[in-house]
Amino acid sequence: MKEHELPNWHSTFAANADVATSTAHAGGELDLLTVDLLWGTIDVLLRAGHYHVTLDLAELSSVDHAGVRLLVALQHSLSTHCGELTIINARPSVRDALERGQVAARSLLSEQGC
């Protein structure tokens, strides 16, 4: 590797939002390089006034610490609006990573009188 050459990191990730059903779909690898893409997708739902969001992870192959932190932040953001995050179809390896990162399969409603 040359002194100023960057490593050949690549990450595959795709996400889309279905405003009609308040559902976001994510596939590929959720990592430091792709968390902004998922946040942007979720932001589409938030801007449309959806605070009860379903996140379908059927096509998500892996999640790293940055991805887990994003989901924790998303849970917090939704709960401040009396909303919730429901995660569905997570593969066992993704589910394990989320559980280690304390991301509940279904977030709790905010304790702010919701």
PDB file of N, CA and C in Angstrom:
ATOM      1  N   MET A   1       0.848  -1.177   0.000  1.00  0.00           N
ATOM      2  CA  MET A   1       0.000   0.000   0.000  1.00  0.00           C
ATOM      3  C   MET A   1       0.892   1.237   0.000  1.00  0.00           C
ATOM      4  N   LYS A   2       0.593   2.167  -0.862  1.00  0.00           N
ATOM      5  CA  LYS A   2       1.337   3.417  -0.910  1.00  0.00           C
ATOM      6  C   LYS A   2       1.010   4.256   0.318  1.00  0.00           C
ATOM      7  N   GLU A   3       1.886   5.168   0.623  1.00  0.00           N
ATOM      8  CA  GLU A   3       1.742   5.975   1.838  1.00  0.00           C
ATOM      9  C   GLU A   3       0.407   6.708   1.926  1.00  0.00           C
ATOM     10  N   HIS A   4      -0.104   7.245   0.827  1.00  0.00           N
ATOM     11  CA  HIS A   4      -1.332   8.039   0.860  1.00  0.00           C
ATOM     12  C   HIS A   4      -2.528   7.298   0.269  1.00  0.00           C
ATOM     13  N   GLU A   5      -2.375   6.036   0.043  1.00  0.00           N
ATOM     14  CA  GLU A   5      -3.460   5.260  -0.532  1.00  0.00           C
ATOM     15  C   GLU A   5      -4.393   4.782   0.578  1.00  0.00           C
ATOM     16  N   LEU A   6      -5.676   4.944   0.377  1.00  0.00           N
ATOM     17  CA  LEU A   6      -6.657   4.491   1.361  1.00  0.00           C
ATOM     18  C   LEU A   6      -6.904   3.002   1.196  1.00  0.00           C
ATOM     19  N   PRO A   7      -7.240   2.320   2.261  1.00  0.00           N
ATOM     20  CA  PRO A   7      -7.588   0.901   2.140  1.00  0.00           C
ATOM     21  C   PRO A   7      -8.780   0.729   1.217  1.00  0.00           C
ATOM     22  N   ASN A   8      -8.899  -0.414   0.627  1.00  0.00           N
ATOM     23  CA  ASN A   8     -10.007  -0.690  -0.275  1.00  0.00           C
ATOM     24  C   ASN A   8     -11.212  -1.174   0.522  1.00  0.00           C
ATOM     25  N   TRP A   9     -11.816  -0.269   1.286  1.00  0.00           N
ATOM     26  CA  TRP A   9     -13.024  -0.607   2.020  1.00  0.00           C
ATOM     27  C   TRP A   9     -14.184  -0.512   1.066  1.00  0.00           C
ATOM     28  N   HIS A  10     -15.046  -1.428   1.148  1.00  0.00           N
ATOM     29  CA  HIS A  10     -16.287  -1.305   0.396  1.00  0.00           C
ATOM     30  C   HIS A  10     -17.396  -1.875   1.255  1.00  0.00           C
ATOM     31  N   SER A  11     -18.531  -1.331   1.084  1.00  0.00           N
ATOM     32  CA  SER A  11     -19.665  -1.775   1.860  1.00  0.00           C
ATOM     33  C   SER A  11     -20.880  -1.734   0.953  1.00  0.00           C
ATOM     34  N   THR A  12     -21.685  -2.753   1.020  1.00  0.00           N
ATOM     35  CA  THR A  12     -22.914  -2.755   0.242  1.00  0.00           C
ATOM     36  C   THR A  12     -24.068  -2.501   1.184  1.00  0.00           C
ATOM     37  N   PHE A  13     -24.926  -1.593   0.801  1.00  0.00           N
ATOM     38  CA  PHE A  13     -26.062  -1.252   1.637  1.00  0.00           C
ATOM     39  C   PHE A  13     -27.132  -0.614   0.773  1.00  0.00           C
ATOM     40  N   ALA A  14     -28.369  -0.924   1.069  1.00  0.00           N
ATOM     41  CA  ALA A  14     -29.497  -0.291   0.399  1.00  0.00           C
ATOM     42  C   ALA A  14     -30.609  -0.119   1.423  1.00  0.00           C
ATOM     43  N   ALA A  15     -31.318   0.974   1.317  1.00  0.00           N
ATOM     44  CA  ALA A  15     -32.444   1.223   2.219  1.00  0.00           C
ATOM     45  C   ALA A  15     -33.515   1.993   1.467  1.00  0.00           C
ATOM     46  N   ASN A  16     -34.759   1.740   1.838  1.00  0.00           N
ATOM     47  CA  ASN A  16     -35.855   2.514   1.273  1.00  0.00           C
ATOM     48  C   ASN A  16     -36.952   2.644   2.313  1.00  0.00           C
ATOM     49  N   ALA A  17     -37.768   3.660   2.123  1.00  0.00           N
ATOM     50  CA  ALA A  17     -38.861   3.951   3.056  1.00  0.00           C
ATOM     51  C   ALA A  17     -40.185   3.834   2.329  1.00  0.00           C
ATOM     52  N   ASP A  18     -41.148   3.201   2.961  1.00  0.00           N
ATOM     53  CA  ASP A  18     -42.509   3.118   2.464  1.00  0.00           C
ATOM     54  C   ASP A  18     -43.363   3.984   3.384  1.00  0.00           C
ATOM     55  N   VAL A  19     -43.646   5.195   2.952  1.00  0.00           N
ATOM     56  CA  VAL A  19     -44.373   6.154   3.783  1.00  0.00           C
ATOM     57  C   VAL A  19     -45.784   5.657   4.079  1.00  0.00           C
ATOM     58  N   ALA A  20     -46.393   4.947   3.151  1.00  0.00           N
ATOM     59  CA  ALA A  20     -47.763   4.468   3.347  1.00  0.00           C
ATOM     60  C   ALA A  20     -47.870   3.505   4.524  1.00  0.00           C
ATOM     61  N   THR A  21     -46.812   2.734   4.786  1.00  0.00           N
ATOM     62  CA  THR A  21     -46.859   1.747   5.870  1.00  0.00           C
ATOM     63  C   THR A  21     -45.925   2.085   7.027  1.00  0.00           C
ATOM     64  N   SER A  22     -45.254   3.221   6.990  1.00  0.00           N
ATOM     65  CA  SER A  22     -44.284   3.638   8.011  1.00  0.00           C
ATOM     66  C   SER A  22     -43.188   2.591   8.198  1.00  0.00           C
ATOM     67  N   THR A  23     -42.771   1.998   7.084  1.00  0.00           N
ATOM     68  CA  THR A  23     -41.781   0.932   7.138  1.00  0.00           C
ATOM     69  C   THR A  23     -40.541   1.314   6.357  1.00  0.00           C
ATOM     70  N   ALA A  24     -39.389   1.039   6.971  1.00  0.00           N
ATOM     71  CA  ALA A  24     -38.109   1.189   6.278  1.00  0.00           C
ATOM     72  C   ALA A  24     -37.525  -0.201   6.102  1.00  0.00           C
ATOM     73  N   HIS A  25     -36.933  -0.437   4.948  1.00  0.00           N
ATOM     74  CA  HIS A  25     -36.287  -1.709   4.640  1.00  0.00           C
ATOM     75  C   HIS A  25     -34.802  -1.444   4.494  1.00  0.00           C
ATOM     76  N   ALA A  26     -33.976  -2.292   5.115  1.00  0.00           N
ATOM     77  CA  ALA A  26     -32.527  -2.133   5.020  1.00  0.00           C
ATOM     78  C   ALA A  26     -31.911  -3.464   4.617  1.00  0.00           C
ATOM     79  N   GLY A  27     -30.923  -3.389   3.736  1.00  0.00           N
ATOM     80  CA  GLY A  27     -30.243  -4.598   3.302  1.00  0.00           C
ATOM     81  C   GLY A  27     -28.767  -4.357   3.100  1.00  0.00           C
ATOM     82  N   GLY A  28     -27.987  -5.399   3.300  1.00  0.00           N
ATOM     83  CA  GLY A  28     -26.541  -5.301   3.126  1.00  0.00           C
ATOM     84  C   GLY A  28     -25.852  -5.198   4.472  1.00  0.00           C
ATOM     85  N   GLU A  29     -24.879  -4.310   4.541  1.00  0.00           N
ATOM     86  CA  GLU A  29     -24.062  -4.154   5.743  1.00  0.00           C
ATOM     87  C   GLU A  29     -24.286  -2.776   6.353  1.00  0.00           C
ATOM     88  N   LEU A  30     -24.816  -2.747   7.567  1.00  0.00           N
ATOM     89  CA  LEU A  30     -25.012  -1.480   8.277  1.00  0.00           C
ATOM     90  C   LEU A  30     -23.778  -1.246   9.126  1.00  0.00           C
ATOM     91  N   ASP A  31     -22.975  -0.275   8.705  1.00  0.00           N
ATOM     92  CA  ASP A  31     -21.707  -0.020   9.384  1.00  0.00           C
ATOM     93  C   ASP A  31     -21.400   1.471   9.375  1.00  0.00           C
ATOM     94  N   LEU A  32     -20.227   1.809   9.821  1.00  0.00           N
ATOM     95  CA  LEU A  32     -19.817   3.212   9.916  1.00  0.00           C
ATOM     96  C   LEU A  32     -19.981   3.951   8.593  1.00  0.00           C
ATOM     97  N   LEU A  33     -19.768   3.255   7.496  1.00  0.00           N
ATOM     98  CA  LEU A  33     -19.850   3.890   6.184  1.00  0.00           C
ATOM     99  C   LEU A  33     -21.276   4.038   5.677  1.00  0.00           C
ATOM    100  N   THR A  34     -22.238   3.338   6.290  1.00  0.00           N
ATOM    101  CA  THR A  34     -23.598   3.343   5.749  1.00  0.00           C
ATOM    102  C   THR A  34     -24.669   3.854   6.705  1.00  0.00           C
ATOM    103  N   VAL A  35     -24.315   4.160   7.951  1.00  0.00           N
ATOM    104  CA  VAL A  35     -25.340   4.586   8.911  1.00  0.00           C
ATOM    105  C   VAL A  35     -26.069   5.843   8.452  1.00  0.00           C
ATOM    106  N   ASP A  36     -25.370   6.751   7.786  1.00  0.00           N
ATOM    107  CA  ASP A  36     -26.029   7.969   7.315  1.00  0.00           C
ATOM    108  C   ASP A  36     -27.103   7.667   6.272  1.00  0.00           C
ATOM    109  N   LEU A  37     -26.897   6.615   5.490  1.00  0.00           N
ATOM    110  CA  LEU A  37     -27.900   6.239   4.496  1.00  0.00           C
ATOM    111  C   LEU A  37     -29.181   5.757   5.166  1.00  0.00           C
ATOM    112  N   LEU A  38     -29.048   4.956   6.229  1.00  0.00           N
ATOM    113  CA  LEU A  38     -30.244   4.503   6.937  1.00  0.00           C
ATOM    114  C   LEU A  38     -30.905   5.665   7.664  1.00  0.00           C
ATOM    115  N   TRP A  39     -30.114   6.525   8.285  1.00  0.00           N
ATOM    116  CA  TRP A  39     -30.701   7.682   8.972  1.00  0.00           C
ATOM    117  C   TRP A  39     -31.489   8.543   7.984  1.00  0.00           C
ATOM    118  N   GLY A  40     -30.948   8.756   6.796  1.00  0.00           N
ATOM    119  CA  GLY A  40     -31.657   9.531   5.770  1.00  0.00           C
ATOM    120  C   GLY A  40     -32.968   8.885   5.362  1.00  0.00           C
ATOM    121  N   THR A  41     -32.973   7.578   5.288  1.00  0.00           N
ATOM    122  CA  THR A  41     -34.194   6.841   4.945  1.00  0.00           C
ATOM    123  C   THR A  41     -35.233   6.988   6.047  1.00  0.00           C
ATOM    124  N   ILE A  42     -34.814   6.827   7.284  1.00  0.00           N
ATOM    125  CA  ILE A  42     -35.731   6.981   8.426  1.00  0.00           C
ATOM    126  C   ILE A  42     -36.228   8.422   8.512  1.00  0.00           C
ATOM    127  N   ASP A  43     -35.367   9.362   8.185  1.00  0.00           N
ATOM    128  CA  ASP A  43     -35.739  10.776   8.233  1.00  0.00           C
ATOM    129  C   ASP A  43     -36.906  11.074   7.293  1.00  0.00           C
ATOM    130  N   VAL A  44     -36.999  10.367   6.193  1.00  0.00           N
ATOM    131  CA  VAL A  44     -38.139  10.526   5.285  1.00  0.00           C
ATOM    132  C   VAL A  44     -39.441  10.227   6.024  1.00  0.00           C
ATOM    133  N   LEU A  45     -39.430   9.175   6.825  1.00  0.00           N
ATOM    134  CA  LEU A  45     -40.629   8.824   7.593  1.00  0.00           C
ATOM    135  C   LEU A  45     -40.913   9.845   8.687  1.00  0.00           C
ATOM    136  N   LEU A  46     -39.868  10.288   9.372  1.00  0.00           N
ATOM    137  CA  LEU A  46     -40.052  11.272  10.445  1.00  0.00           C
ATOM    138  C   LEU A  46     -40.607  12.574   9.897  1.00  0.00           C
ATOM    139  N   ARG A  47     -40.078  13.020   8.768  1.00  0.00           N
ATOM    140  CA  ARG A  47     -40.559  14.278   8.166  1.00  0.00           C
ATOM    141  C   ARG A  47     -42.004  14.171   7.694  1.00  0.00           C
ATOM    142  N   ALA A  48     -42.437  12.933   7.421  1.00  0.00           N
ATOM    143  CA  ALA A  48     -43.832  12.706   7.027  1.00  0.00           C
ATOM    144  C   ALA A  48     -44.740  12.548   8.253  1.00  0.00           C
ATOM    145  N   GLY A  49     -44.166  12.687   9.451  1.00  0.00           N
ATOM    146  CA  GLY A  49     -44.945  12.627  10.679  1.00  0.00           C
ATOM    147  C   GLY A  49     -45.137  11.230  11.242  1.00  0.00           C
ATOM    148  N   HIS A  50     -44.355  10.281  10.795  1.00  0.00           N
ATOM    149  CA  HIS A  50     -44.463   8.903  11.284  1.00  0.00           C
ATOM    150  C   HIS A  50     -43.479   8.686  12.434  1.00  0.00           C
ATOM    151  N   TYR A  51     -44.015   8.390  13.617  1.00  0.00           N
ATOM    152  CA  TYR A  51     -43.175   8.151  14.792  1.00  0.00           C
ATOM    153  C   TYR A  51     -43.327   6.727  15.316  1.00  0.00           C
ATOM    154  N   HIS A  52     -44.139   5.938  14.660  1.00  0.00           N
ATOM    155  CA  HIS A  52     -44.245   4.505  14.928  1.00  0.00           C
ATOM    156  C   HIS A  52     -43.696   3.835  13.679  1.00  0.00           C
ATOM    157  N   VAL A  53     -42.431   3.497  13.737  1.00  0.00           N
ATOM    158  CA  VAL A  53     -41.692   3.043  12.560  1.00  0.00           C
ATOM    159  C   VAL A  53     -41.378   1.556  12.680  1.00  0.00           C
ATOM    160  N   THR A  54     -41.588   0.851  11.582  1.00  0.00           N
ATOM    161  CA  THR A  54     -41.178  -0.549  11.491  1.00  0.00           C
ATOM    162  C   THR A  54     -39.921  -0.596  10.630  1.00  0.00           C
ATOM    163  N   LEU A  55     -38.914  -1.286  11.133  1.00  0.00           N
ATOM    164  CA  LEU A  55     -37.656  -1.429  10.415  1.00  0.00           C
ATOM    165  C   LEU A  55     -37.487  -2.898  10.050  1.00  0.00           C
ATOM    166  N   ASP A  56     -37.604  -3.191   8.758  1.00  0.00           N
ATOM    167  CA  ASP A  56     -37.496  -4.563   8.254  1.00  0.00           C
ATOM    168  C   ASP A  56     -36.041  -4.838   7.896  1.00  0.00           C
ATOM    169  N   LEU A  57     -35.429  -5.750   8.645  1.00  0.00           N
ATOM    170  CA  LEU A  57     -34.012  -6.063   8.458  1.00  0.00           C
ATOM    171  C   LEU A  57     -33.796  -7.410   7.778  1.00  0.00           C
ATOM    172  N   ALA A  58     -34.787  -7.892   7.044  1.00  0.00           N
ATOM    173  CA  ALA A  58     -34.693  -9.214   6.408  1.00  0.00           C
ATOM    174  C   ALA A  58     -33.461  -9.337   5.514  1.00  0.00           C
ATOM    175  N   GLU A  59     -33.079  -8.271   4.851  1.00  0.00           N
ATOM    176  CA  GLU A  59     -31.955  -8.327   3.920  1.00  0.00           C
ATOM    177  C   GLU A  59     -30.655  -7.795   4.515  1.00  0.00           C
ATOM    178  N   LEU A  60     -30.670  -7.481   5.805  1.00  0.00           N
ATOM    179  CA  LEU A  60     -29.459  -6.965   6.449  1.00  0.00           C
ATOM    180  C   LEU A  60     -28.570  -8.144   6.837  1.00  0.00           C
ATOM    181  N   SER A  61     -27.342  -8.145   6.323  1.00  0.00           N
ATOM    182  CA  SER A  61     -26.439  -9.266   6.579  1.00  0.00           C
ATOM    183  C   SER A  61     -25.571  -9.063   7.807  1.00  0.00           C
ATOM    184  N   SER A  62     -25.283  -7.803   8.151  1.00  0.00           N
ATOM    185  CA  SER A  62     -24.442  -7.539   9.318  1.00  0.00           C
ATOM    186  C   SER A  62     -24.658  -6.126   9.819  1.00  0.00           C
ATOM    187  N   VAL A  63     -24.310  -5.931  11.087  1.00  0.00           N
ATOM    188  CA  VAL A  63     -24.389  -4.612  11.711  1.00  0.00           C
ATOM    189  C   VAL A  63     -23.195  -4.478  12.638  1.00  0.00           C
ATOM    190  N   ASP A  64     -22.518  -3.335  12.571  1.00  0.00           N
ATOM    191  CA  ASP A  64     -21.386  -3.110  13.474  1.00  0.00           C
ATOM    192  C   ASP A  64     -21.808  -2.163  14.594  1.00  0.00           C
ATOM    193  N   HIS A  65     -20.836  -1.762  15.407  1.00  0.00           N
ATOM    194  CA  HIS A  65     -21.109  -0.904  16.560  1.00  0.00           C
ATOM    195  C   HIS A  65     -21.776   0.408  16.141  1.00  0.00           C
ATOM    196  N   ALA A  66     -21.341   0.988  15.045  1.00  0.00           N
ATOM    197  CA  ALA A  66     -21.935   2.251  14.579  1.00  0.00           C
ATOM    198  C   ALA A  66     -23.401   2.047  14.203  1.00  0.00           C
ATOM    199  N   GLY A  67     -23.717   0.916  13.598  1.00  0.00           N
ATOM    200  CA  GLY A  67     -25.100   0.618  13.252  1.00  0.00           C
ATOM    201  C   GLY A  67     -25.967   0.429  14.480  1.00  0.00           C
ATOM    202  N   VAL A  68     -25.438  -0.260  15.468  1.00  0.00           N
ATOM    203  CA  VAL A  68     -26.166  -0.450  16.723  1.00  0.00           C
ATOM    204  C   VAL A  68     -26.407   0.900  17.387  1.00  0.00           C
ATOM    205  N   ARG A  69     -25.385   1.738  17.411  1.00  0.00           N
ATOM    206  CA  ARG A  69     -25.543   3.070  18.031  1.00  0.00           C
ATOM    207  C   ARG A  69     -26.604   3.888  17.303  1.00  0.00           C
ATOM    208  N   LEU A  70     -26.671   3.773  15.984  1.00  0.00           N
ATOM    209  CA  LEU A  70     -27.700   4.480  15.221  1.00  0.00           C
ATOM    210  C   LEU A  70     -29.086   4.011  15.644  1.00  0.00           C
ATOM    211  N   LEU A  71     -29.280   2.711  15.795  1.00  0.00           N
ATOM    212  CA  LEU A  71     -30.587   2.193  16.169  1.00  0.00           C
ATOM    213  C   LEU A  71     -30.977   2.606  17.580  1.00  0.00           C
ATOM    214  N   VAL A  72     -30.011   2.654  18.483  1.00  0.00           N
ATOM    215  CA  VAL A  72     -30.278   3.153  19.839  1.00  0.00           C
ATOM    216  C   VAL A  72     -30.714   4.620  19.773  1.00  0.00           C
ATOM    217  N   ALA A  73     -30.014   5.419  18.980  1.00  0.00           N
ATOM    218  CA  ALA A  73     -30.366   6.839  18.831  1.00  0.00           C
ATOM    219  C   ALA A  73     -31.742   6.988  18.194  1.00  0.00           C
ATOM    220  N   LEU A  74     -32.048   6.130  17.246  1.00  0.00           N
ATOM    221  CA  LEU A  74     -33.357   6.167  16.601  1.00  0.00           C
ATOM    222  C   LEU A  74     -34.456   5.838  17.603  1.00  0.00           C
ATOM    223  N   GLN A  75     -34.245   4.807  18.425  1.00  0.00           N
ATOM    224  CA  GLN A  75     -35.217   4.487  19.473  1.00  0.00           C
ATOM    225  C   GLN A  75     -35.459   5.690  20.374  1.00  0.00           C
ATOM    226  N   HIS A  76     -34.371   6.331  20.780  1.00  0.00           N
ATOM    227  CA  HIS A  76     -34.492   7.495  21.668  1.00  0.00           C
ATOM    228  C   HIS A  76     -35.255   8.623  20.976  1.00  0.00           C
ATOM    229  N   SER A  77     -34.907   8.905  19.735  1.00  0.00           N
ATOM    230  CA  SER A  77     -35.560   9.977  18.993  1.00  0.00           C
ATOM    231  C   SER A  77     -37.063   9.722  18.862  1.00  0.00           C
ATOM    232  N   LEU A  78     -37.435   8.510  18.525  1.00  0.00           N
ATOM    233  CA  LEU A  78     -38.850   8.188  18.390  1.00  0.00           C
ATOM    234  C   LEU A  78     -39.572   8.272  19.727  1.00  0.00           C
ATOM    235  N   SER A  79     -38.927   7.830  20.796  1.00  0.00           N
ATOM    236  CA  SER A  79     -39.593   7.858  22.099  1.00  0.00           C
ATOM    237  C   SER A  79     -39.836   9.280  22.581  1.00  0.00           C
ATOM    238  N   THR A  80     -39.001  10.231  22.182  1.00  0.00           N
ATOM    239  CA  THR A  80     -39.235  11.622  22.584  1.00  0.00           C
ATOM    240  C   THR A  80     -40.475  12.196  21.904  1.00  0.00           C
ATOM    241  N   HIS A  81     -40.957  11.520  20.862  1.00  0.00           N
ATOM    242  CA  HIS A  81     -42.186  11.917  20.166  1.00  0.00           C
ATOM    243  C   HIS A  81     -43.319  10.928  20.475  1.00  0.00           C
ATOM    244  N   CYS A  82     -43.171  10.206  21.603  1.00  0.00           N
ATOM    245  CA  CYS A  82     -44.157   9.193  22.006  1.00  0.00           C
ATOM    246  C   CYS A  82     -44.318   8.109  20.941  1.00  0.00           C
ATOM    247  N   GLY A  83     -43.261   7.858  20.202  1.00  0.00           N
ATOM    248  CA  GLY A  83     -43.294   6.838  19.162  1.00  0.00           C
ATOM    249  C   GLY A  83     -42.566   5.587  19.589  1.00  0.00           C
ATOM    250  N   GLU A  84     -42.406   4.686  18.638  1.00  0.00           N
ATOM    251  CA  GLU A  84     -41.702   3.447  18.913  1.00  0.00           C
ATOM    252  C   GLU A  84     -41.061   2.906  17.645  1.00  0.00           C
ATOM    253  N   LEU A  85     -40.080   2.082  17.841  1.00  0.00           N
ATOM    254  CA  LEU A  85     -39.392   1.396  16.753  1.00  0.00           C
ATOM    255  C   LEU A  85     -39.675  -0.084  16.892  1.00  0.00           C
ATOM    256  N   THR A  86     -40.162  -0.691  15.825  1.00  0.00           N
ATOM    257  CA  THR A  86     -40.362  -2.124  15.786  1.00  0.00           C
ATOM    258  C   THR A  86     -39.402  -2.691  14.751  1.00  0.00           C
ATOM    259  N   ILE A  87     -38.542  -3.588  15.190  1.00  0.00           N
ATOM    260  CA  ILE A  87     -37.581  -4.228  14.294  1.00  0.00           C
ATOM    261  C   ILE A  87     -38.115  -5.619  13.974  1.00  0.00           C
ATOM    262  N   ILE A  88     -38.205  -5.916  12.661  1.00  0.00           N
ATOM    263  CA  ILE A  88     -38.723  -7.219  12.253  1.00  0.00           C
ATOM    264  C   ILE A  88     -37.734  -7.916  11.320  1.00  0.00           C
ATOM    265  N   ASN A  89     -37.855  -9.218  11.274  1.00  0.00           N
ATOM    266  CA  ASN A  89     -37.127 -10.065  10.323  1.00  0.00           C
ATOM    267  C   ASN A  89     -35.610  -9.996  10.429  1.00  0.00           C
ATOM    268  N   ALA A  90     -35.090  -9.728  11.609  1.00  0.00           N
ATOM    269  CA  ALA A  90     -33.630  -9.685  11.776  1.00  0.00           C
ATOM    270  C   ALA A  90     -33.068 -11.101  11.776  1.00  0.00           C
ATOM    271  N   ARG A  91     -32.010 -11.304  11.038  1.00  0.00           N
ATOM    272  CA  ARG A  91     -31.319 -12.589  11.017  1.00  0.00           C
ATOM    273  C   ARG A  91     -30.722 -12.848  12.399  1.00  0.00           C
ATOM    274  N   PRO A  92     -30.477 -14.112  12.744  1.00  0.00           N
ATOM    275  CA  PRO A  92     -29.928 -14.420  14.076  1.00  0.00           C
ATOM    276  C   PRO A  92     -28.638 -13.664  14.398  1.00  0.00           C
ATOM    277  N   SER A  93     -27.725 -13.535  13.444  1.00  0.00           N
ATOM    278  CA  SER A  93     -26.468 -12.826  13.725  1.00  0.00           C
ATOM    279  C   SER A  93     -26.712 -11.340  13.968  1.00  0.00           C
ATOM    280  N   VAL A  94     -27.658 -10.761  13.245  1.00  0.00           N
ATOM    281  CA  VAL A  94     -28.003  -9.347  13.434  1.00  0.00           C
ATOM    282  C   VAL A  94     -28.724  -9.187  14.763  1.00  0.00           C
ATOM    283  N   ARG A  95     -29.647 -10.097  15.053  1.00  0.00           N
ATOM    284  CA  ARG A  95     -30.375 -10.046  16.326  1.00  0.00           C
ATOM    285  C   ARG A  95     -29.402 -10.121  17.506  1.00  0.00           C
ATOM    286  N   ASP A  96     -28.404 -11.005  17.418  1.00  0.00           N
ATOM    287  CA  ASP A  96     -27.401 -11.124  18.482  1.00  0.00           C
ATOM    288  C   ASP A  96     -26.646  -9.812  18.676  1.00  0.00           C
ATOM    289  N   ALA A  97     -26.246  -9.185  17.586  1.00  0.00           N
ATOM    290  CA  ALA A  97     -25.523  -7.915  17.679  1.00  0.00           C
ATOM    291  C   ALA A  97     -26.397  -6.838  18.311  1.00  0.00           C
ATOM    292  N   LEU A  98     -27.669  -6.822  17.953  1.00  0.00           N
ATOM    293  CA  LEU A  98     -28.585  -5.826  18.516  1.00  0.00           C
ATOM    294  C   LEU A  98     -28.809  -6.073  20.004  1.00  0.00           C
ATOM    295  N   GLU A  99     -28.946  -7.333  20.375  1.00  0.00           N
ATOM    296  CA  GLU A  99     -29.145  -7.646  21.795  1.00  0.00           C
ATOM    297  C   GLU A  99     -27.907  -7.288  22.609  1.00  0.00           C
ATOM    298  N   ARG A 100     -26.729  -7.547  22.061  1.00  0.00           N
ATOM    299  CA  ARG A 100     -25.499  -7.158  22.764  1.00  0.00           C
ATOM    300  C   ARG A 100     -25.426  -5.644  22.905  1.00  0.00           C
ATOM    301  N   GLY A 101     -25.967  -4.928  21.943  1.00  0.00           N
ATOM    302  CA  GLY A 101     -25.966  -3.465  21.987  1.00  0.00           C
ATOM    303  C   GLY A 101     -27.181  -2.895  22.678  1.00  0.00           C
ATOM    304  N   GLN A 102     -27.988  -3.749  23.281  1.00  0.00           N
ATOM    305  CA  GLN A 102     -29.163  -3.341  24.048  1.00  0.00           C
ATOM    306  C   GLN A 102     -30.203  -2.632  23.203  1.00  0.00           C
ATOM    307  N   VAL A 103     -30.365  -3.081  21.960  1.00  0.00           N
ATOM    308  CA  VAL A 103     -31.443  -2.577  21.119  1.00  0.00           C
ATOM    309  C   VAL A 103     -32.577  -3.580  21.236  1.00  0.00           C
ATOM    310  N   ALA A 104     -33.673  -3.170  21.846  1.00  0.00           N
ATOM    311  CA  ALA A 104     -34.808  -4.070  22.035  1.00  0.00           C
ATOM    312  C   ALA A 104     -35.454  -4.362  20.691  1.00  0.00           C
ATOM    313  N   ALA A 105     -36.045  -5.541  20.570  1.00  0.00           N
ATOM    314  CA  ALA A 105     -36.772  -5.883  19.355  1.00  0.00           C
ATOM    315  C   ALA A 105     -37.947  -4.929  19.167  1.00  0.00           C
ATOM    316  N   ARG A 106     -38.410  -4.394  20.247  1.00  0.00           N
ATOM    317  CA  ARG A 106     -39.474  -3.394  20.190  1.00  0.00           C
ATOM    318  C   ARG A 106     -39.187  -2.378  21.285  1.00  0.00           C
ATOM    319  N   SER A 107     -39.082  -1.129  20.918  1.00  0.00           N
ATOM    320  CA  SER A 107     -38.717  -0.124  21.919  1.00  0.00           C
ATOM    321  C   SER A 107     -39.874   0.154  22.863  1.00  0.00           C
ATOM    322  N   LEU A 108     -39.549   0.694  24.006  1.00  0.00           N
ATOM    323  CA  LEU A 108     -40.564   1.077  24.980  1.00  0.00           C
ATOM    324  C   LEU A 108     -41.058   2.473  24.672  1.00  0.00           C
ATOM    325  N   LEU A 109     -42.300   2.712  24.970  1.00  0.00           N
ATOM    326  CA  LEU A 109     -42.804   4.065  24.826  1.00  0.00           C
ATOM    327  C   LEU A 109     -42.088   4.964  25.811  1.00  0.00           C
ATOM    328  N   SER A 110     -41.941   6.183  25.448  1.00  0.00           N
ATOM    329  CA  SER A 110     -41.288   7.145  26.307  1.00  0.00           C
ATOM    330  C   SER A 110     -42.013   7.241  27.645  1.00  0.00           C
ATOM    331  N   GLU A 111     -41.270   7.542  28.673  1.00  0.00           N
ATOM    332  CA  GLU A 111     -41.864   7.686  30.003  1.00  0.00           C
ATOM    333  C   GLU A 111     -42.328   9.127  30.237  1.00  0.00           C
ATOM    334  N   GLN A 112     -42.614   9.832  29.181  1.00  0.00           N
ATOM    335  CA  GLN A 112     -43.019  11.227  29.287  1.00  0.00           C
ATOM    336  C   GLN A 112     -44.525  11.375  29.201  1.00  0.00           C
ATOM    337  N   GLY A 113     -45.261  10.379  29.678  1.00  0.00           N
ATOM    338  CA  GLY A 113     -46.714  10.488  29.676  1.00  0.00           C
ATOM    339  C   GLY A 113     -47.364  10.148  28.364  1.00  0.00           C
ATOM    340  N   CYS A 114     -46.747   9.332  27.564  1.00  0.00           N
ATOM    341  CA  CYS A 114     -47.316   8.972  26.261  1.00  0.00           C
ATOM    342  C   CYS A 114     -48.406   7.937  26.403  1.00  0.00           C
TER     343      CYS A 114
END
